[in-house]
PDB file of N, CA and C in Angstrom:
ATOM      1  N   MET A   1       0.917  -1.246  -0.093  1.00  0.00           N
ATOM      2  CA  MET A   1      -0.073   0.031  -0.106  1.00  0.00           C
ATOM      3  C   MET A   1       0.871   1.263   0.089  1.00  0.00           C
ATOM      4  N   CYS A   2       2.093   1.114   0.533  1.00  0.00           N
ATOM      5  CA  CYS A   2       2.981   2.442   0.643  1.00  0.00           C
ATOM      6  C   CYS A   2       4.093   2.243  -0.297  1.00  0.00           C
ATOM      7  N   PRO A   3       4.468   3.031  -1.237  1.00  0.00           N
ATOM      8  CA  PRO A   3       3.764   4.351  -1.672  1.00  0.00           C
ATOM      9  C   PRO A   3       2.523   3.967  -2.366  1.00  0.00           C
ATOM     10  N   MET A   4       1.549   5.027  -2.336  1.00  0.00           N
ATOM     11  CA  MET A   4       0.417   4.916  -3.000  1.00  0.00           C
ATOM     12  C   MET A   4       0.721   4.814  -4.612  1.00  0.00           C
ATOM     13  N   HIS A   5      -0.168   4.230  -5.436  1.00  0.00           N
ATOM     14  CA  HIS A   5      -0.114   4.003  -6.792  1.00  0.00           C
ATOM     15  C   HIS A   5      -1.472   4.093  -7.383  1.00  0.00           C
ATOM     16  N   GLY A   6      -1.450   4.469  -8.643  1.00  0.00           N
ATOM     17  CA  GLY A   6      -2.827   4.419  -9.363  1.00  0.00           C
ATOM     18  C   GLY A   6      -3.334   5.489  -9.457  1.00  0.00           C
ATOM     19  N   ARG A   7      -4.555   5.669 -10.021  1.00  0.00           N
ATOM     20  CA  ARG A   7      -5.353   7.092 -10.215  1.00  0.00           C
ATOM     21  C   ARG A   7      -5.471   7.912  -8.938  1.00  0.00           C
ATOM     22  N   LEU A   8      -5.856   7.138  -7.778  1.00  0.00           N
ATOM     23  CA  LEU A   8      -5.834   7.955  -6.549  1.00  0.00           C
ATOM     24  C   LEU A   8      -4.569   8.592  -6.216  1.00  0.00           C
ATOM     25  N   ALA A   9      -3.415   7.979  -6.340  1.00  0.00           N
ATOM     26  CA  ALA A   9      -2.176   8.646  -6.137  1.00  0.00           C
ATOM     27  C   ALA A   9      -2.008   9.751  -7.040  1.00  0.00           C
ATOM     28  N   ASP A  10      -2.399   9.709  -8.253  1.00  0.00           N
ATOM     29  CA  ASP A  10      -2.055  10.720  -9.044  1.00  0.00           C
ATOM     30  C   ASP A  10      -2.975  12.002  -8.809  1.00  0.00           C
ATOM     31  N   VAL A  11      -4.215  11.779  -8.339  1.00  0.00           N
ATOM     32  CA  VAL A  11      -5.116  12.862  -7.989  1.00  0.00           C
ATOM     33  C   VAL A  11      -4.609  13.426  -6.620  1.00  0.00           C
ATOM     34  N   ALA A  12      -4.222  12.627  -5.746  1.00  0.00           N
ATOM     35  CA  ALA A  12      -3.510  13.120  -4.518  1.00  0.00           C
ATOM     36  C   ALA A  12      -2.350  14.089  -4.710  1.00  0.00           C
ATOM     37  N   VAL A  13      -1.463  13.552  -5.676  1.00  0.00           N
ATOM     38  CA  VAL A  13      -0.230  14.301  -5.848  1.00  0.00           C
ATOM     39  C   VAL A  13      -0.564  15.699  -6.587  1.00  0.00           C
ATOM     40  N   LEU A  14      -1.560  15.679  -7.410  1.00  0.00           N
ATOM     41  CA  LEU A  14      -1.987  16.903  -8.038  1.00  0.00           C
ATOM     42  C   LEU A  14      -2.606  17.893  -7.224  1.00  0.00           C
ATOM     43  N   VAL A  15      -3.409  17.406  -6.106  1.00  0.00           N
ATOM     44  CA  VAL A  15      -4.032  18.276  -5.210  1.00  0.00           C
ATOM     45  C   VAL A  15      -2.883  18.886  -4.223  1.00  0.00           C
ATOM     46  N   LEU A  16      -1.995  17.890  -3.848  1.00  0.00           N
ATOM     47  CA  LEU A  16      -0.905  18.464  -2.959  1.00  0.00           C
ATOM     48  C   LEU A  16      -0.039  19.457  -3.688  1.00  0.00           C
ATOM     49  N   MET A  17       0.306  19.281  -4.974  1.00  0.00           N
ATOM     50  CA  MET A  17       1.070  20.170  -5.684  1.00  0.00           C
ATOM     51  C   MET A  17       0.316  21.491  -5.903  1.00  0.00           C
ATOM     52  N   ALA A  18      -0.961  21.472  -6.076  1.00  0.00           N
ATOM     53  CA  ALA A  18      -1.722  22.819  -6.298  1.00  0.00           C
ATOM     54  C   ALA A  18      -1.750  23.473  -5.039  1.00  0.00           C
ATOM     55  N   ALA A  19      -1.871  22.839  -3.783  1.00  0.00           N
ATOM     56  CA  ALA A  19      -1.882  23.531  -2.663  1.00  0.00           C
ATOM     57  C   ALA A  19      -0.606  24.067  -2.292  1.00  0.00           C
ATOM     58  N   LEU A  20       0.485  23.319  -2.476  1.00  0.00           N
ATOM     59  CA  LEU A  20       1.640  23.911  -2.253  1.00  0.00           C
ATOM     60  C   LEU A  20       2.111  25.094  -3.127  1.00  0.00           C
ATOM     61  N   LEU A  21       1.743  25.133  -4.444  1.00  0.00           N
ATOM     62  CA  LEU A  21       2.132  26.211  -5.292  1.00  0.00           C
ATOM     63  C   LEU A  21       1.189  27.382  -4.956  1.00  0.00           C
ATOM     64  N   TYR A  22      -0.072  27.130  -4.525  1.00  0.00           N
ATOM     65  CA  TYR A  22      -0.843  28.227  -3.940  1.00  0.00           C
ATOM     66  C   TYR A  22      -0.357  29.029  -2.727  1.00  0.00           C
ATOM     67  N   GLY A  23       0.160  28.106  -1.867  1.00  0.00           N
ATOM     68  CA  GLY A  23       0.829  28.522  -0.587  1.00  0.00           C
ATOM     69  C   GLY A  23       2.109  29.252  -0.744  1.00  0.00           C
ATOM     70  N   ALA A  24       2.826  28.967  -1.826  1.00  0.00           N
ATOM     71  CA  ALA A  24       4.127  29.625  -2.220  1.00  0.00           C
ATOM     72  C   ALA A  24       3.715  30.973  -2.890  1.00  0.00           C
ATOM     73  N   LEU A  25       2.727  30.843  -3.880  1.00  0.00           N
ATOM     74  CA  LEU A  25       2.323  32.263  -4.447  1.00  0.00           C
ATOM     75  C   LEU A  25       1.783  33.136  -3.448  1.00  0.00           C
ATOM     76  N   TRP A  26       1.046  32.711  -2.512  1.00  0.00           N
ATOM     77  CA  TRP A  26       0.543  33.544  -1.493  1.00  0.00           C
ATOM     78  C   TRP A  26       1.656  34.110  -0.589  1.00  0.00           C
ATOM     79  N   SER A  27       2.564  33.343  -0.252  1.00  0.00           N
ATOM     80  CA  SER A  27       3.615  33.764   0.641  1.00  0.00           C
ATOM     81  C   SER A  27       4.544  34.871  -0.023  1.00  0.00           C
ATOM     82  N   VAL A  28       4.394  34.771  -1.424  1.00  0.00           N
ATOM     83  CA  VAL A  28       5.350  35.796  -2.179  1.00  0.00           C
ATOM     84  C   VAL A  28       4.612  37.059  -2.621  1.00  0.00           C
ATOM     85  N   THR A  29       3.315  37.019  -2.844  1.00  0.00           N
ATOM     86  CA  THR A  29       2.605  37.981  -3.413  1.00  0.00           C
ATOM     87  C   THR A  29       1.585  38.653  -2.326  1.00  0.00           C
ATOM     88  N   GLY A  30       1.275  38.055  -1.308  1.00  0.00           N
ATOM     89  CA  GLY A  30       0.522  38.485  -0.322  1.00  0.00           C
ATOM     90  C   GLY A  30      -0.937  38.590  -0.779  1.00  0.00           C
ATOM     91  N   ASP A  31      -1.698  39.775  -0.585  1.00  0.00           N
ATOM     92  CA  ASP A  31      -3.215  39.902  -0.820  1.00  0.00           C
ATOM     93  C   ASP A  31      -3.488  39.662  -2.307  1.00  0.00           C
ATOM     94  N   ALA A  32      -2.697  39.652  -3.316  1.00  0.00           N
ATOM     95  CA  ALA A  32      -3.027  39.546  -4.629  1.00  0.00           C
ATOM     96  C   ALA A  32      -3.383  38.218  -4.782  1.00  0.00           C
ATOM     97  N   ALA A  33      -2.865  37.212  -4.071  1.00  0.00           N
ATOM     98  CA  ALA A  33      -3.084  35.707  -4.308  1.00  0.00           C
ATOM     99  C   ALA A  33      -4.568  35.328  -3.370  1.00  0.00           C
ATOM    100  N   LEU A  34      -4.964  36.095  -2.630  1.00  0.00           N
ATOM    101  CA  LEU A  34      -6.305  35.884  -1.946  1.00  0.00           C
ATOM    102  C   LEU A  34      -7.535  35.989  -2.712  1.00  0.00           C
ATOM    103  N   PRO A  35      -8.532  35.569  -2.266  1.00  0.00           N
ATOM    104  CA  PRO A  35      -9.845  35.704  -3.086  1.00  0.00           C
ATOM    105  C   PRO A  35     -10.162  37.290  -3.302  1.00  0.00           C
ATOM    106  N   GLY A  36     -10.464  37.775  -4.576  1.00  0.00           N
ATOM    107  CA  GLY A  36     -10.579  39.022  -4.705  1.00  0.00           C
ATOM    108  C   GLY A  36      -9.445  39.772  -5.330  1.00  0.00           C
ATOM    109  N   GLY A  37      -8.134  38.969  -5.299  1.00  0.00           N
ATOM    110  CA  GLY A  37      -7.063  39.593  -6.004  1.00  0.00           C
ATOM    111  C   GLY A  37      -6.881  39.061  -7.427  1.00  0.00           C
ATOM    112  N   ASN A  38      -6.012  39.743  -8.020  1.00  0.00           N
ATOM    113  CA  ASN A  38      -5.834  39.516  -9.403  1.00  0.00           C
ATOM    114  C   ASN A  38      -5.284  38.143  -9.746  1.00  0.00           C
ATOM    115  N   LEU A  39      -4.279  37.687  -8.995  1.00  0.00           N
ATOM    116  CA  LEU A  39      -3.653  36.292  -9.246  1.00  0.00           C
ATOM    117  C   LEU A  39      -4.510  35.281  -8.884  1.00  0.00           C
ATOM    118  N   PHE A  40      -5.502  35.362  -7.948  1.00  0.00           N
ATOM    119  CA  PHE A  40      -6.516  34.364  -7.676  1.00  0.00           C
ATOM    120  C   PHE A  40      -7.356  34.251  -8.706  1.00  0.00           C
ATOM    121  N   ALA A  41      -7.892  35.217  -9.373  1.00  0.00           N
ATOM    122  CA  ALA A  41      -8.752  35.243 -10.391  1.00  0.00           C
ATOM    123  C   ALA A  41      -8.077  34.547 -11.724  1.00  0.00           C
ATOM    124  N   ILE A  42      -6.907  34.842 -11.868  1.00  0.00           N
ATOM    125  CA  ILE A  42      -6.121  34.198 -13.055  1.00  0.00           C
ATOM    126  C   ILE A  42      -6.124  32.649 -12.709  1.00  0.00           C
ATOM    127  N   SER A  43      -5.882  32.259 -11.510  1.00  0.00           N
ATOM    128  CA  SER A  43      -5.765  30.917 -11.100  1.00  0.00           C
ATOM    129  C   SER A  43      -7.131  30.135 -11.252  1.00  0.00           C
ATOM    130  N   VAL A  44      -8.217  30.708 -10.875  1.00  0.00           N
ATOM    131  CA  VAL A  44      -9.533  30.218 -11.159  1.00  0.00           C
ATOM    132  C   VAL A  44      -9.754  30.112 -12.584  1.00  0.00           C
ATOM    133  N   LEU A  45      -9.413  30.990 -13.310  1.00  0.00           N
ATOM    134  CA  LEU A  45      -9.733  31.077 -14.791  1.00  0.00           C
ATOM    135  C   LEU A  45      -8.933  29.944 -15.481  1.00  0.00           C
ATOM    136  N   PHE A  46      -7.818  29.744 -14.862  1.00  0.00           N
ATOM    137  CA  PHE A  46      -6.927  28.614 -15.528  1.00  0.00           C
ATOM    138  C   PHE A  46      -7.624  27.278 -15.159  1.00  0.00           C
ATOM    139  N   VAL A  47      -7.876  26.982 -13.981  1.00  0.00           N
ATOM    140  CA  VAL A  47      -8.589  25.765 -13.522  1.00  0.00           C
ATOM    141  C   VAL A  47      -9.856  25.540 -14.252  1.00  0.00           C
ATOM    142  N   CYS A  48     -10.545  26.562 -14.377  1.00  0.00           N
ATOM    143  CA  CYS A  48     -11.978  26.351 -15.162  1.00  0.00           C
ATOM    144  C   CYS A  48     -11.657  26.057 -16.545  1.00  0.00           C
ATOM    145  N   CYS A  49     -10.848  26.784 -17.371  1.00  0.00           N
ATOM    146  CA  CYS A  49     -10.506  26.430 -18.738  1.00  0.00           C
ATOM    147  C   CYS A  49      -9.916  25.045 -18.827  1.00  0.00           C
ATOM    148  N   TYR A  50      -9.122  24.410 -17.858  1.00  0.00           N
ATOM    149  CA  TYR A  50      -8.654  23.172 -17.924  1.00  0.00           C
ATOM    150  C   TYR A  50      -9.699  22.188 -17.688  1.00  0.00           C
ATOM    151  N   ILE A  51     -10.799  22.326 -16.877  1.00  0.00           N
ATOM    152  CA  ILE A  51     -11.751  21.365 -16.617  1.00  0.00           C
ATOM    153  C   ILE A  51     -12.652  21.439 -17.856  1.00  0.00           C
ATOM    154  N   ALA A  52     -12.978  22.686 -18.481  1.00  0.00           N
ATOM    155  CA  ALA A  52     -13.775  22.754 -19.618  1.00  0.00           C
ATOM    156  C   ALA A  52     -13.157  22.061 -20.971  1.00  0.00           C
ATOM    157  N   GLY A  53     -11.852  22.191 -21.013  1.00  0.00           N
ATOM    158  CA  GLY A  53     -11.197  21.438 -21.975  1.00  0.00           C
ATOM    159  C   GLY A  53     -11.268  19.973 -21.965  1.00  0.00           C
ATOM    160  N   PHE A  54     -11.228  19.397 -20.689  1.00  0.00           N
ATOM    161  CA  PHE A  54     -11.247  18.102 -20.365  1.00  0.00           C
ATOM    162  C   PHE A  54     -12.759  17.521 -20.757  1.00  0.00           C
ATOM    163  N   LEU A  55     -13.642  18.246 -20.375  1.00  0.00           N
ATOM    164  CA  LEU A  55     -14.960  18.116 -20.642  1.00  0.00           C
ATOM    165  C   LEU A  55     -15.390  18.005 -22.163  1.00  0.00           C
ATOM    166  N   ILE A  56     -14.888  19.024 -22.865  1.00  0.00           N
ATOM    167  CA  ILE A  56     -15.039  19.094 -24.257  1.00  0.00           C
ATOM    168  C   ILE A  56     -14.299  17.942 -25.001  1.00  0.00           C
ATOM    169  N   GLY A  57     -13.161  17.549 -24.564  1.00  0.00           N
ATOM    170  CA  GLY A  57     -12.475  16.434 -25.098  1.00  0.00           C
ATOM    171  C   GLY A  57     -13.312  15.159 -24.920  1.00  0.00           C
ATOM    172  N   LYS A  58     -14.097  15.014 -23.908  1.00  0.00           N
ATOM    173  CA  LYS A  58     -14.811  13.758 -23.595  1.00  0.00           C
ATOM    174  C   LYS A  58     -15.857  13.724 -24.685  1.00  0.00           C
ATOM    175  N   ILE A  59     -16.369  14.682 -25.217  1.00  0.00           N
ATOM    176  CA  ILE A  59     -17.544  14.581 -26.148  1.00  0.00           C
ATOM    177  C   ILE A  59     -16.944  14.592 -27.552  1.00  0.00           C
ATOM    178  N   HIS A  60     -15.618  14.275 -27.670  1.00  0.00           N
ATOM    179  CA  HIS A  60     -14.909  14.231 -29.019  1.00  0.00           C
ATOM    180  C   HIS A  60     -14.786  15.612 -29.746  1.00  0.00           C
ATOM    181  N   LEU A  61     -14.832  16.496 -29.196  1.00  0.00           N
ATOM    182  CA  LEU A  61     -14.547  18.009 -29.822  1.00  0.00           C
ATOM    183  C   LEU A  61     -13.039  18.201 -29.537  1.00  0.00           C
ATOM    184  N   PRO A  62     -12.549  19.212 -30.363  1.00  0.00           N
ATOM    185  CA  PRO A  62     -11.220  19.577 -30.117  1.00  0.00           C
ATOM    186  C   PRO A  62     -10.975  20.267 -28.803  1.00  0.00           C
ATOM    187  N   PRO A  63     -10.060  19.769 -27.993  1.00  0.00           N
ATOM    188  CA  PRO A  63      -9.855  20.426 -26.633  1.00  0.00           C
ATOM    189  C   PRO A  63      -9.486  21.831 -26.585  1.00  0.00           C
ATOM    190  N   LEU A  64      -9.119  22.282 -27.911  1.00  0.00           N
ATOM    191  CA  LEU A  64      -8.602  23.771 -27.981  1.00  0.00           C
ATOM    192  C   LEU A  64      -9.895  24.737 -27.689  1.00  0.00           C
ATOM    193  N   LEU A  65     -11.093  24.087 -27.834  1.00  0.00           N
ATOM    194  CA  LEU A  65     -12.319  24.992 -27.336  1.00  0.00           C
ATOM    195  C   LEU A  65     -12.205  25.159 -26.021  1.00  0.00           C
ATOM    196  N   GLY A  66     -11.741  24.452 -25.110  1.00  0.00           N
ATOM    197  CA  GLY A  66     -11.484  24.776 -23.697  1.00  0.00           C
ATOM    198  C   GLY A  66      -9.922  24.947 -23.535  1.00  0.00           C
ATOM    199  N   GLU A  67      -9.338  24.307 -22.559  1.00  0.00           N
ATOM    200  CA  GLU A  67      -7.929  24.338 -22.542  1.00  0.00           C
ATOM    201  C   GLU A  67      -7.604  23.019 -21.843  1.00  0.00           C
ATOM    202  N   HIS A  68      -6.956  22.131 -22.508  1.00  0.00           N
ATOM    203  CA  HIS A  68      -6.568  20.624 -21.758  1.00  0.00           C
ATOM    204  C   HIS A  68      -5.125  20.319 -22.323  1.00  0.00           C
ATOM    205  N   ALA A  69      -4.335  20.343 -21.372  1.00  0.00           N
ATOM    206  CA  ALA A  69      -2.939  19.951 -21.667  1.00  0.00           C
ATOM    207  C   ALA A  69      -2.913  18.296 -21.483  1.00  0.00           C
ATOM    208  N   ALA A  70      -2.212  17.707 -22.405  1.00  0.00           N
ATOM    209  CA  ALA A  70      -2.091  16.212 -22.231  1.00  0.00           C
ATOM    210  C   ALA A  70      -1.004  15.830 -21.094  1.00  0.00           C
ATOM    211  N   TRP A  71      -1.452  15.166 -20.209  1.00  0.00           N
ATOM    212  CA  TRP A  71      -0.582  14.774 -19.009  1.00  0.00           C
ATOM    213  C   TRP A  71      -0.827  13.343 -18.663  1.00  0.00           C
TER     214      TRP A  71
END
């Protein structure tokens, strides 16, 4: 069981990396990374575009209509 592997481990690593990246961004920029700030808005926009690209790719349309990087 240790170390984790499979799809659950991939999701756990991505969530942990996102949290650490946000924490580092907040520690460097301060209020701009908090909700209501410009960097927070850009981060939310990026995540929404990524999810939209993933969903659009699932219905067999080009992921360019959203934003989906192959990983």
